[in-house]
């Protein structure tokens, strides 16, 4: 539920700094509660994969870290 609400419009119209902060938080949440969010992993993966084409290396790096936390 949390993931659906957070990622419906995530990354649209956000600055690079905001994206990085969101990705940091997501990585922490996935690290601690990723197994409880297994039903949302496909939705999260779709949102994260779209960020791999970002022009900002910092966004791509944090995106890869988040993808790695998906179980």
N, C-alpha and C. Protein backbone atom coordinates (compact mmCIF):
# COMPACT_ATOMS: atom_id res chain seq x y z
N UNK A 1 0.82 -1.19 0.00
CA UNK A 1 0.00 0.00 0.00
C UNK A 1 0.87 1.26 0.00
N UNK A 2 1.85 1.30 0.87
CA UNK A 2 2.74 2.45 0.94
C UNK A 2 3.42 2.69 -0.40
N UNK A 3 3.91 1.62 -1.00
CA UNK A 3 4.64 1.76 -2.26
C UNK A 3 3.75 2.31 -3.35
N UNK A 4 2.51 1.83 -3.42
CA UNK A 4 1.60 2.31 -4.46
C UNK A 4 1.35 3.80 -4.31
N UNK A 5 1.14 4.26 -3.10
CA UNK A 5 0.87 5.67 -2.86
C UNK A 5 2.10 6.53 -3.13
N UNK A 6 3.25 6.02 -2.79
CA UNK A 6 4.48 6.79 -2.93
C UNK A 6 4.98 6.86 -4.37
N UNK A 7 4.71 5.83 -5.15
CA UNK A 7 5.35 5.74 -6.45
C UNK A 7 4.43 5.97 -7.64
N UNK A 8 3.19 6.34 -7.39
CA UNK A 8 2.30 6.61 -8.50
C UNK A 8 2.85 7.76 -9.34
N UNK A 9 3.28 8.82 -8.71
CA UNK A 9 3.79 9.97 -9.47
C UNK A 9 5.22 10.32 -9.06
N UNK A 10 5.90 9.38 -8.43
CA UNK A 10 7.26 9.63 -8.00
C UNK A 10 8.15 9.95 -9.18
N UNK A 11 9.03 10.84 -8.97
CA UNK A 11 10.05 11.25 -9.93
C UNK A 11 9.54 12.21 -10.99
N UNK A 12 8.25 12.48 -11.05
CA UNK A 12 7.74 13.44 -12.03
C UNK A 12 7.86 14.84 -11.45
N UNK A 13 8.59 15.69 -12.13
CA UNK A 13 8.73 17.07 -11.71
C UNK A 13 9.60 17.28 -10.48
N UNK A 14 10.39 16.29 -10.13
CA UNK A 14 11.26 16.41 -8.96
C UNK A 14 12.65 16.85 -9.38
N UNK A 15 13.29 17.60 -8.49
CA UNK A 15 14.68 17.95 -8.73
C UNK A 15 15.55 16.73 -8.46
N UNK A 16 16.78 16.79 -8.91
CA UNK A 16 17.71 15.69 -8.68
C UNK A 16 17.90 15.45 -7.19
N UNK A 17 18.00 16.51 -6.44
CA UNK A 17 18.19 16.38 -4.99
C UNK A 17 17.00 15.67 -4.35
N UNK A 18 15.81 16.02 -4.77
CA UNK A 18 14.60 15.38 -4.23
C UNK A 18 14.56 13.90 -4.61
N UNK A 19 14.91 13.58 -5.84
CA UNK A 19 14.95 12.19 -6.27
C UNK A 19 15.94 11.39 -5.43
N UNK A 20 17.10 11.96 -5.19
CA UNK A 20 18.12 11.27 -4.41
C UNK A 20 17.66 11.02 -2.98
N UNK A 21 17.00 11.99 -2.39
CA UNK A 21 16.49 11.82 -1.03
C UNK A 21 15.43 10.72 -0.99
N UNK A 22 14.53 10.73 -1.97
CA UNK A 22 13.49 9.69 -2.03
C UNK A 22 14.10 8.31 -2.22
N UNK A 23 15.10 8.23 -3.07
CA UNK A 23 15.75 6.95 -3.30
C UNK A 23 16.50 6.46 -2.06
N UNK A 24 17.12 7.38 -1.32
CA UNK A 24 17.79 7.00 -0.07
C UNK A 24 16.78 6.42 0.92
N UNK A 25 15.65 7.09 1.05
CA UNK A 25 14.61 6.62 1.97
C UNK A 25 14.08 5.27 1.52
N UNK A 26 13.83 5.13 0.22
CA UNK A 26 13.32 3.87 -0.30
C UNK A 26 14.31 2.74 -0.03
N UNK A 27 15.59 2.98 -0.21
CA UNK A 27 16.60 1.95 0.06
C UNK A 27 16.55 1.51 1.52
N UNK A 28 16.41 2.47 2.42
CA UNK A 28 16.31 2.14 3.84
C UNK A 28 15.07 1.31 4.13
N UNK A 29 13.94 1.71 3.55
CA UNK A 29 12.69 0.98 3.77
C UNK A 29 12.78 -0.43 3.20
N UNK A 30 13.34 -0.55 2.01
CA UNK A 30 13.47 -1.87 1.39
C UNK A 30 14.42 -2.76 2.19
N UNK A 31 15.47 -2.16 2.70
CA UNK A 31 16.43 -2.94 3.50
C UNK A 31 15.76 -3.53 4.74
N UNK A 32 14.94 -2.73 5.40
CA UNK A 32 14.32 -3.17 6.65
C UNK A 32 13.02 -3.94 6.45
N UNK A 33 12.23 -3.54 5.44
CA UNK A 33 10.89 -4.10 5.30
C UNK A 33 10.61 -4.68 3.91
N UNK A 34 11.64 -4.88 3.11
CA UNK A 34 11.45 -5.34 1.74
C UNK A 34 10.68 -6.63 1.62
N UNK A 35 10.92 -7.55 2.55
CA UNK A 35 10.22 -8.83 2.50
C UNK A 35 8.72 -8.67 2.77
N UNK A 36 8.34 -7.64 3.48
CA UNK A 36 6.93 -7.39 3.75
C UNK A 36 6.23 -6.68 2.59
N UNK A 37 7.02 -6.19 1.65
CA UNK A 37 6.48 -5.43 0.52
C UNK A 37 6.59 -6.22 -0.78
N UNK A 38 6.72 -7.52 -0.69
CA UNK A 38 6.97 -8.35 -1.87
C UNK A 38 5.90 -8.17 -2.94
N UNK A 39 4.67 -7.93 -2.53
CA UNK A 39 3.60 -7.77 -3.52
C UNK A 39 3.76 -6.49 -4.33
N UNK A 40 4.52 -5.54 -3.83
CA UNK A 40 4.73 -4.27 -4.53
C UNK A 40 6.03 -4.20 -5.30
N UNK A 41 6.81 -5.27 -5.27
CA UNK A 41 8.12 -5.22 -5.92
C UNK A 41 8.03 -4.96 -7.42
N UNK A 42 7.03 -5.51 -8.08
CA UNK A 42 6.92 -5.29 -9.52
C UNK A 42 6.65 -3.81 -9.82
N UNK A 43 5.77 -3.20 -9.05
CA UNK A 43 5.48 -1.78 -9.21
C UNK A 43 6.71 -0.93 -8.92
N UNK A 44 7.41 -1.26 -7.86
CA UNK A 44 8.63 -0.54 -7.52
C UNK A 44 9.68 -0.69 -8.60
N UNK A 45 9.84 -1.90 -9.09
CA UNK A 45 10.83 -2.14 -10.13
C UNK A 45 10.54 -1.31 -11.37
N UNK A 46 9.28 -1.23 -11.75
CA UNK A 46 8.91 -0.41 -12.91
C UNK A 46 9.26 1.05 -12.72
N UNK A 47 8.98 1.57 -11.53
CA UNK A 47 9.30 2.97 -11.24
C UNK A 47 10.81 3.19 -11.21
N UNK A 48 11.52 2.23 -10.65
CA UNK A 48 12.97 2.36 -10.55
C UNK A 48 13.66 2.22 -11.90
N UNK A 49 13.21 1.28 -12.71
CA UNK A 49 13.86 1.09 -14.01
C UNK A 49 13.79 2.34 -14.88
N UNK A 50 12.73 3.10 -14.73
CA UNK A 50 12.61 4.33 -15.51
C UNK A 50 13.68 5.35 -15.13
N UNK A 51 14.22 5.23 -13.93
CA UNK A 51 15.24 6.18 -13.47
C UNK A 51 16.65 5.81 -13.94
N UNK A 52 16.81 4.63 -14.49
CA UNK A 52 18.13 4.24 -14.98
C UNK A 52 18.55 5.04 -16.21
N UNK A 53 17.61 5.71 -16.84
CA UNK A 53 17.93 6.53 -18.00
C UNK A 53 18.14 8.00 -17.61
N UNK A 54 18.22 8.27 -16.33
CA UNK A 54 18.44 9.64 -15.85
C UNK A 54 19.78 10.17 -16.32
N UNK A 55 19.85 11.47 -16.53
CA UNK A 55 21.11 12.11 -16.92
C UNK A 55 22.06 12.24 -15.74
N UNK A 56 21.54 12.12 -14.54
CA UNK A 56 22.33 12.30 -13.33
C UNK A 56 22.88 10.96 -12.83
N UNK A 57 24.18 10.87 -12.72
CA UNK A 57 24.82 9.64 -12.26
C UNK A 57 24.40 9.30 -10.83
N UNK A 58 24.20 10.31 -10.00
CA UNK A 58 23.81 10.05 -8.61
C UNK A 58 22.45 9.37 -8.54
N UNK A 59 21.52 9.75 -9.40
CA UNK A 59 20.20 9.13 -9.44
C UNK A 59 20.32 7.69 -9.92
N UNK A 60 21.10 7.47 -10.96
CA UNK A 60 21.29 6.11 -11.47
C UNK A 60 21.92 5.21 -10.41
N UNK A 61 22.93 5.72 -9.70
CA UNK A 61 23.62 4.93 -8.67
C UNK A 61 22.66 4.54 -7.55
N UNK A 62 21.89 5.50 -7.07
CA UNK A 62 20.94 5.21 -5.99
C UNK A 62 19.83 4.29 -6.47
N UNK A 63 19.45 4.41 -7.73
CA UNK A 63 18.43 3.53 -8.30
C UNK A 63 18.92 2.10 -8.31
N UNK A 64 20.15 1.88 -8.72
CA UNK A 64 20.72 0.53 -8.74
C UNK A 64 20.78 -0.04 -7.32
N UNK A 65 21.11 0.79 -6.35
CA UNK A 65 21.12 0.32 -4.96
C UNK A 65 19.74 -0.13 -4.52
N UNK A 66 18.73 0.63 -4.90
CA UNK A 66 17.36 0.27 -4.53
C UNK A 66 16.92 -1.02 -5.22
N UNK A 67 17.26 -1.17 -6.48
CA UNK A 67 16.90 -2.38 -7.20
C UNK A 67 17.57 -3.59 -6.53
N UNK A 68 18.79 -3.41 -6.08
CA UNK A 68 19.50 -4.49 -5.39
C UNK A 68 18.85 -4.90 -4.08
N UNK A 69 18.08 -4.03 -3.48
CA UNK A 69 17.41 -4.33 -2.21
C UNK A 69 16.11 -5.10 -2.41
N UNK A 70 15.59 -5.11 -3.65
CA UNK A 70 14.37 -5.88 -3.92
C UNK A 70 14.70 -7.35 -3.78
N UNK A 71 13.81 -8.10 -3.14
CA UNK A 71 14.08 -9.52 -2.90
C UNK A 71 13.11 -10.37 -3.67
